[in-house]
Amino acid sequence: MTDSEKQHAPLTVTRPELLVNGDDAAFRELVHAALAFSARLTAVRDGYAEFIGLPGPQYTILVSVQHLEDDGRVSVKRIADHLRLSGTFVTTETNKLVRKGLVLKEKDPNDGRRVSLVMTDKGDALLRRLSQVQQEVNDAHFGALSKAEFQQLRKIMPELVDSTDVALSLLSHLTAKRDLIPNPAA
């Protein structure tokens, strides 16, 4: 096949907002940059966790308990909603934090069927030990953002998470139907 006979790769998006001059190259560039950022963000999180001797997910739950406590009682459901994780996963990881003495489970005084998560002094001390490292690393990690860009990103990111949840549901539905789509490689 000659160069003139070659077909361009099919578009990966069709929304005009995501195309530049009818091409999806800028969109693909954005996705690949987001994947690279995501991998580095996870590596930074795992580095913080390692610094205080925890696996990444446990660190994330511990720091979420600490910050959410400022606004009232913290439940497993509140952590799960905040982190967009399953309640079962948060319960399993929280139980490990309880066994390590970093979090306590207390009965909710307003509803005895509910449990509140409370940071222990030991858990608080671990996160305070980490805070100077976090400050330096986070300042460097997000150093490219202006105040206005930070505010834009704060607004856009939850919207992208929500639309990604919709996309994952759609992908699951379409994957279930994949046998109905002809496979040219077969």
C-alpha atoms as a PDB file:
ATOM      1  CA  MET A   1       0.000   0.000   0.000  1.00  0.00           C
ATOM      2  CA  THR A   2       1.434   3.364  -0.968  1.00  0.00           C
ATOM      3  CA  ASP A   3       1.461   6.368   1.355  1.00  0.00           C
ATOM      4  CA  SER A   4      -1.381   7.956  -0.602  1.00  0.00           C
ATOM      5  CA  GLU A   5      -3.475   4.789  -0.263  1.00  0.00           C
ATOM      6  CA  LYS A   6      -2.995   4.563   3.513  1.00  0.00           C
ATOM      7  CA  GLN A   7      -5.998   5.485   5.563  1.00  0.00           C
ATOM      8  CA  HIS A   8      -5.650   7.659   8.601  1.00  0.00           C
ATOM      9  CA  ALA A   9      -6.275   6.005  11.933  1.00  0.00           C
ATOM     10  CA  PRO A  10      -9.944   6.202  12.886  1.00  0.00           C
ATOM     11  CA  LEU A  11     -10.988   9.022  15.175  1.00  0.00           C
ATOM     12  CA  THR A  12     -11.220   8.153  18.862  1.00  0.00           C
ATOM     13  CA  VAL A  13     -13.754  10.946  19.533  1.00  0.00           C
ATOM     14  CA  THR A  14     -16.416  12.667  17.460  1.00  0.00           C
ATOM     15  CA  ARG A  15     -17.539  15.575  19.667  1.00  0.00           C
ATOM     16  CA  PRO A  16     -16.541  18.836  17.945  1.00  0.00           C
ATOM     17  CA  GLU A  17     -15.343  20.226  21.299  1.00  0.00           C
ATOM     18  CA  LEU A  18     -12.676  17.515  21.386  1.00  0.00           C
ATOM     19  CA  LEU A  19     -11.496  17.822  17.786  1.00  0.00           C
ATOM     20  CA  VAL A  20      -9.067  20.331  16.302  1.00  0.00           C
ATOM     21  CA  ASN A  21      -9.674  20.843  12.586  1.00  0.00           C
ATOM     22  CA  GLY A  22     -11.510  17.515  12.471  1.00  0.00           C
ATOM     23  CA  ASP A  23      -8.545  15.659  14.013  1.00  0.00           C
ATOM     24  CA  ASP A  24      -8.333  13.925  17.397  1.00  0.00           C
ATOM     25  CA  ALA A  25      -4.542  14.224  17.847  1.00  0.00           C
ATOM     26  CA  ALA A  26      -4.871  16.936  20.526  1.00  0.00           C
ATOM     27  CA  PHE A  27      -7.409  14.788  22.388  1.00  0.00           C
ATOM     28  CA  ARG A  28      -5.111  11.762  22.294  1.00  0.00           C
ATOM     29  CA  GLU A  29      -2.248  13.969  23.501  1.00  0.00           C
ATOM     30  CA  LEU A  30      -4.402  15.102  26.440  1.00  0.00           C
ATOM     31  CA  VAL A  31      -5.337  11.522  27.344  1.00  0.00           C
ATOM     32  CA  HIS A  32      -1.722  10.364  27.235  1.00  0.00           C
ATOM     33  CA  ALA A  33      -0.620  13.327  29.375  1.00  0.00           C
ATOM     34  CA  ALA A  34      -3.434  12.529  31.837  1.00  0.00           C
ATOM     35  CA  LEU A  35      -2.279   8.906  32.012  1.00  0.00           C
ATOM     36  CA  ALA A  36       1.297  10.028  32.666  1.00  0.00           C
ATOM     37  CA  PHE A  37       0.093  12.482  35.337  1.00  0.00           C
ATOM     38  CA  SER A  38      -2.085   9.800  36.943  1.00  0.00           C
ATOM     39  CA  ALA A  39       0.843   7.385  37.149  1.00  0.00           C
ATOM     40  CA  ARG A  40       3.026  10.059  38.740  1.00  0.00           C
ATOM     41  CA  LEU A  41       0.269  11.131  41.130  1.00  0.00           C
ATOM     42  CA  THR A  42      -0.089   7.527  42.258  1.00  0.00           C
ATOM     43  CA  ALA A  43       3.693   7.235  42.641  1.00  0.00           C
ATOM     44  CA  VAL A  44       3.756  10.364  44.813  1.00  0.00           C
ATOM     45  CA  ARG A  45       0.886   9.001  46.931  1.00  0.00           C
ATOM     46  CA  ASP A  46       2.702   5.679  47.285  1.00  0.00           C
ATOM     47  CA  GLY A  47       5.872   7.556  48.255  1.00  0.00           C
ATOM     48  CA  TYR A  48       4.011   9.380  51.025  1.00  0.00           C
ATOM     49  CA  ALA A  49       2.581   6.067  52.179  1.00  0.00           C
ATOM     50  CA  GLU A  50       5.995   4.408  52.183  1.00  0.00           C
ATOM     51  CA  PHE A  51       7.445   7.334  54.161  1.00  0.00           C
ATOM     52  CA  ILE A  52       5.073   6.493  57.031  1.00  0.00           C
ATOM     53  CA  GLY A  53       5.121   2.713  56.500  1.00  0.00           C
ATOM     54  CA  LEU A  54       1.703   2.160  54.959  1.00  0.00           C
ATOM     55  CA  PRO A  55       0.352   0.867  51.650  1.00  0.00           C
ATOM     56  CA  GLY A  56      -1.019   3.601  49.384  1.00  0.00           C
ATOM     57  CA  PRO A  57      -4.742   2.933  49.908  1.00  0.00           C
ATOM     58  CA  GLN A  58      -4.369   2.901  53.698  1.00  0.00           C
ATOM     59  CA  TYR A  59      -2.477   6.187  53.591  1.00  0.00           C
ATOM     60  CA  THR A  60      -5.233   7.724  51.454  1.00  0.00           C
ATOM     61  CA  ILE A  61      -7.927   6.591  53.886  1.00  0.00           C
ATOM     62  CA  LEU A  62      -5.934   7.756  56.905  1.00  0.00           C
ATOM     63  CA  VAL A  63      -5.354  11.234  55.493  1.00  0.00           C
ATOM     64  CA  SER A  64      -9.027  11.420  54.481  1.00  0.00           C
ATOM     65  CA  VAL A  65     -10.132  10.593  58.036  1.00  0.00           C
ATOM     66  CA  GLN A  66      -7.845  13.327  59.356  1.00  0.00           C
ATOM     67  CA  HIS A  67      -9.147  15.989  56.976  1.00  0.00           C
ATOM     68  CA  LEU A  68     -12.818  15.001  57.055  1.00  0.00           C
ATOM     69  CA  GLU A  69     -12.840  15.023  60.875  1.00  0.00           C
ATOM     70  CA  ASP A  70     -12.593  18.816  60.664  1.00  0.00           C
ATOM     71  CA  ASP A  71     -16.172  18.849  59.296  1.00  0.00           C
ATOM     72  CA  GLY A  72     -17.742  16.375  61.722  1.00  0.00           C
ATOM     73  CA  ARG A  73     -18.089  12.655  62.201  1.00  0.00           C
ATOM     74  CA  VAL A  74     -16.440  10.384  59.663  1.00  0.00           C
ATOM     75  CA  SER A  75     -18.096   7.153  58.588  1.00  0.00           C
ATOM     76  CA  VAL A  76     -16.940   4.441  56.208  1.00  0.00           C
ATOM     77  CA  LYS A  77     -19.640   5.605  53.787  1.00  0.00           C
ATOM     78  CA  ARG A  78     -18.379   9.183  53.968  1.00  0.00           C
ATOM     79  CA  ILE A  79     -14.820   8.033  53.201  1.00  0.00           C
ATOM     80  CA  ALA A  80     -16.051   5.774  50.379  1.00  0.00           C
ATOM     81  CA  ASP A  81     -18.074   8.619  48.845  1.00  0.00           C
ATOM     82  CA  HIS A  82     -15.211  11.087  49.281  1.00  0.00           C
ATOM     83  CA  LEU A  83     -12.674   8.780  47.609  1.00  0.00           C
ATOM     84  CA  ARG A  84     -15.170   7.216  45.207  1.00  0.00           C
ATOM     85  CA  LEU A  85     -14.310   3.739  46.410  1.00  0.00           C
ATOM     86  CA  SER A  86     -16.534   0.855  47.440  1.00  0.00           C
ATOM     87  CA  GLY A  87     -17.665   0.705  51.042  1.00  0.00           C
ATOM     88  CA  THR A  88     -16.411  -2.869  51.273  1.00  0.00           C
ATOM     89  CA  PHE A  89     -12.899  -1.851  50.233  1.00  0.00           C
ATOM     90  CA  VAL A  90     -12.851   1.089  52.665  1.00  0.00           C
ATOM     91  CA  THR A  91     -14.097  -1.165  55.476  1.00  0.00           C
ATOM     92  CA  THR A  92     -11.366  -3.742  54.802  1.00  0.00           C
ATOM     93  CA  GLU A  93      -8.582  -1.147  54.699  1.00  0.00           C
ATOM     94  CA  THR A  94      -9.975   0.757  57.696  1.00  0.00           C
ATOM     95  CA  ASN A  95      -9.940  -2.447  59.749  1.00  0.00           C
ATOM     96  CA  LYS A  96      -6.222  -2.743  58.984  1.00  0.00           C
ATOM     97  CA  LEU A  97      -5.705   0.847  60.181  1.00  0.00           C
ATOM     98  CA  VAL A  98      -7.614  -0.002  63.372  1.00  0.00           C
ATOM     99  CA  ARG A  99      -5.360  -3.033  63.981  1.00  0.00           C
ATOM    100  CA  LYS A 100      -2.314  -0.782  63.532  1.00  0.00           C
ATOM    101  CA  GLY A 101      -3.692   1.628  66.125  1.00  0.00           C
ATOM    102  CA  LEU A 102      -4.000   4.528  63.666  1.00  0.00           C
ATOM    103  CA  VAL A 103      -7.800   4.806  63.637  1.00  0.00           C
ATOM    104  CA  LEU A 104     -10.478   3.983  66.197  1.00  0.00           C
ATOM    105  CA  LYS A 105     -14.009   2.861  65.514  1.00  0.00           C
ATOM    106  CA  GLU A 106     -16.521   4.436  67.876  1.00  0.00           C
ATOM    107  CA  LYS A 107     -20.272   3.968  68.051  1.00  0.00           C
ATOM    108  CA  ASP A 108     -22.087   7.027  66.784  1.00  0.00           C
ATOM    109  CA  PRO A 109     -23.836   8.578  69.819  1.00  0.00           C
ATOM    110  CA  ASN A 110     -26.756   9.656  67.607  1.00  0.00           C
ATOM    111  CA  ASP A 111     -27.253   6.232  65.996  1.00  0.00           C
ATOM    112  CA  GLY A 112     -25.888   3.128  67.719  1.00  0.00           C
ATOM    113  CA  ARG A 113     -25.995   1.181  64.451  1.00  0.00           C
ATOM    114  CA  ARG A 114     -23.398   3.474  62.895  1.00  0.00           C
ATOM    115  CA  VAL A 115     -19.683   3.630  63.507  1.00  0.00           C
ATOM    116  CA  SER A 116     -17.536   6.736  63.382  1.00  0.00           C
ATOM    117  CA  LEU A 117     -13.864   6.654  62.442  1.00  0.00           C
ATOM    118  CA  VAL A 118     -11.571   8.672  64.679  1.00  0.00           C
ATOM    119  CA  MET A 119      -7.901   9.439  64.153  1.00  0.00           C
ATOM    120  CA  THR A 120      -5.704   8.237  67.022  1.00  0.00           C
ATOM    121  CA  ASP A 121      -2.780  10.217  68.383  1.00  0.00           C
ATOM    122  CA  LYS A 122      -0.487   7.673  66.712  1.00  0.00           C
ATOM    123  CA  GLY A 123      -2.147   8.206  63.311  1.00  0.00           C
ATOM    124  CA  ASP A 124      -2.075  11.972  63.742  1.00  0.00           C
ATOM    125  CA  ALA A 125       1.624  11.869  64.669  1.00  0.00           C
ATOM    126  CA  LEU A 126       2.434   9.868  61.522  1.00  0.00           C
ATOM    127  CA  LEU A 127       0.698  12.368  59.268  1.00  0.00           C
ATOM    128  CA  ARG A 128       2.222  15.359  61.050  1.00  0.00           C
ATOM    129  CA  ARG A 129       5.668  13.788  60.559  1.00  0.00           C
ATOM    130  CA  LEU A 130       4.902  13.568  56.838  1.00  0.00           C
ATOM    131  CA  SER A 131       3.459  17.076  56.417  1.00  0.00           C
ATOM    132  CA  GLN A 132       6.724  18.921  55.703  1.00  0.00           C
ATOM    133  CA  VAL A 133       7.605  16.397  53.004  1.00  0.00           C
ATOM    134  CA  GLN A 134       4.090  16.739  51.551  1.00  0.00           C
ATOM    135  CA  GLN A 135       4.348  20.522  51.481  1.00  0.00           C
ATOM    136  CA  GLU A 136       7.605  20.504  49.535  1.00  0.00           C
ATOM    137  CA  VAL A 137       6.599  17.721  47.162  1.00  0.00           C
ATOM    138  CA  ASN A 138       3.071  19.054  46.504  1.00  0.00           C
ATOM    139  CA  ASP A 139       4.407  22.563  45.881  1.00  0.00           C
ATOM    140  CA  ALA A 140       6.782  21.111  43.278  1.00  0.00           C
ATOM    141  CA  HIS A 141       4.225  18.649  41.883  1.00  0.00           C
ATOM    142  CA  PHE A 142       1.630  21.355  41.229  1.00  0.00           C
ATOM    143  CA  GLY A 143       4.118  24.170  40.658  1.00  0.00           C
ATOM    144  CA  ALA A 144       3.027  24.656  37.052  1.00  0.00           C
ATOM    145  CA  LEU A 145      -0.441  25.885  38.090  1.00  0.00           C
ATOM    146  CA  SER A 146      -1.425  29.501  38.557  1.00  0.00           C
ATOM    147  CA  LYS A 147      -4.114  30.311  41.130  1.00  0.00           C
ATOM    148  CA  ALA A 148      -6.705  30.616  38.326  1.00  0.00           C
ATOM    149  CA  GLU A 149      -5.614  27.322  36.735  1.00  0.00           C
ATOM    150  CA  PHE A 150      -5.804  25.609  40.128  1.00  0.00           C
ATOM    151  CA  GLN A 151      -9.372  26.861  40.571  1.00  0.00           C
ATOM    152  CA  GLN A 152     -10.288  25.667  37.059  1.00  0.00           C
ATOM    153  CA  LEU A 153      -8.764  22.245  37.689  1.00  0.00           C
ATOM    154  CA  ARG A 154     -10.597  21.946  41.031  1.00  0.00           C
ATOM    155  CA  LYS A 155     -13.870  22.571  39.181  1.00  0.00           C
ATOM    156  CA  ILE A 156     -13.136  20.370  36.180  1.00  0.00           C
ATOM    157  CA  MET A 157     -11.674  17.306  37.922  1.00  0.00           C
ATOM    158  CA  PRO A 158     -14.858  16.164  39.756  1.00  0.00           C
ATOM    159  CA  GLU A 159     -16.813  16.692  36.531  1.00  0.00           C
ATOM    160  CA  LEU A 160     -14.321  14.480  34.675  1.00  0.00           C
ATOM    161  CA  VAL A 161     -14.579  11.823  37.386  1.00  0.00           C
ATOM    162  CA  ASP A 162     -18.375  11.832  37.009  1.00  0.00           C
ATOM    163  CA  SER A 163     -18.223  11.638  33.217  1.00  0.00           C
ATOM    164  CA  THR A 164     -15.622   8.866  33.500  1.00  0.00           C
ATOM    165  CA  ASP A 165     -18.050   6.876  35.651  1.00  0.00           C
ATOM    166  CA  VAL A 166     -20.629   7.247  32.864  1.00  0.00           C
ATOM    167  CA  ALA A 167     -18.008   6.225  30.279  1.00  0.00           C
ATOM    168  CA  LEU A 168     -17.051   3.138  32.296  1.00  0.00           C
ATOM    169  CA  SER A 169     -20.682   2.086  32.500  1.00  0.00           C
ATOM    170  CA  LEU A 170     -21.055   2.574  28.752  1.00  0.00           C
ATOM    171  CA  LEU A 171     -17.839   0.633  28.084  1.00  0.00           C
ATOM    172  CA  SER A 172     -19.099  -2.249  30.215  1.00  0.00           C
ATOM    173  CA  HIS A 173     -22.381  -2.273  28.286  1.00  0.00           C
ATOM    174  CA  LEU A 174     -20.635  -2.138  24.894  1.00  0.00           C
ATOM    175  CA  THR A 175     -18.111  -4.786  25.911  1.00  0.00           C
ATOM    176  CA  ALA A 176     -20.986  -7.122  26.744  1.00  0.00           C
ATOM    177  CA  LYS A 177     -22.220  -6.616  23.185  1.00  0.00           C
ATOM    178  CA  ARG A 178     -18.811  -6.937  21.482  1.00  0.00           C
ATOM    179  CA  ASP A 179     -19.706 -10.262  19.889  1.00  0.00           C
ATOM    180  CA  LEU A 180     -22.326  -8.409  17.838  1.00  0.00           C
ATOM    181  CA  ILE A 181     -19.654  -6.193  16.232  1.00  0.00           C
ATOM    182  CA  PRO A 182     -17.846  -7.897  13.303  1.00  0.00           C
ATOM    183  CA  ASN A 183     -14.175  -8.597  14.017  1.00  0.00           C
ATOM    184  CA  PRO A 184     -12.111  -7.910  10.876  1.00  0.00           C
ATOM    185  CA  ALA A 185      -9.125  -9.730  12.390  1.00  0.00           C
ATOM    186  CA  ALA A 186     -11.039 -13.001  12.630  1.00  0.00           C
END
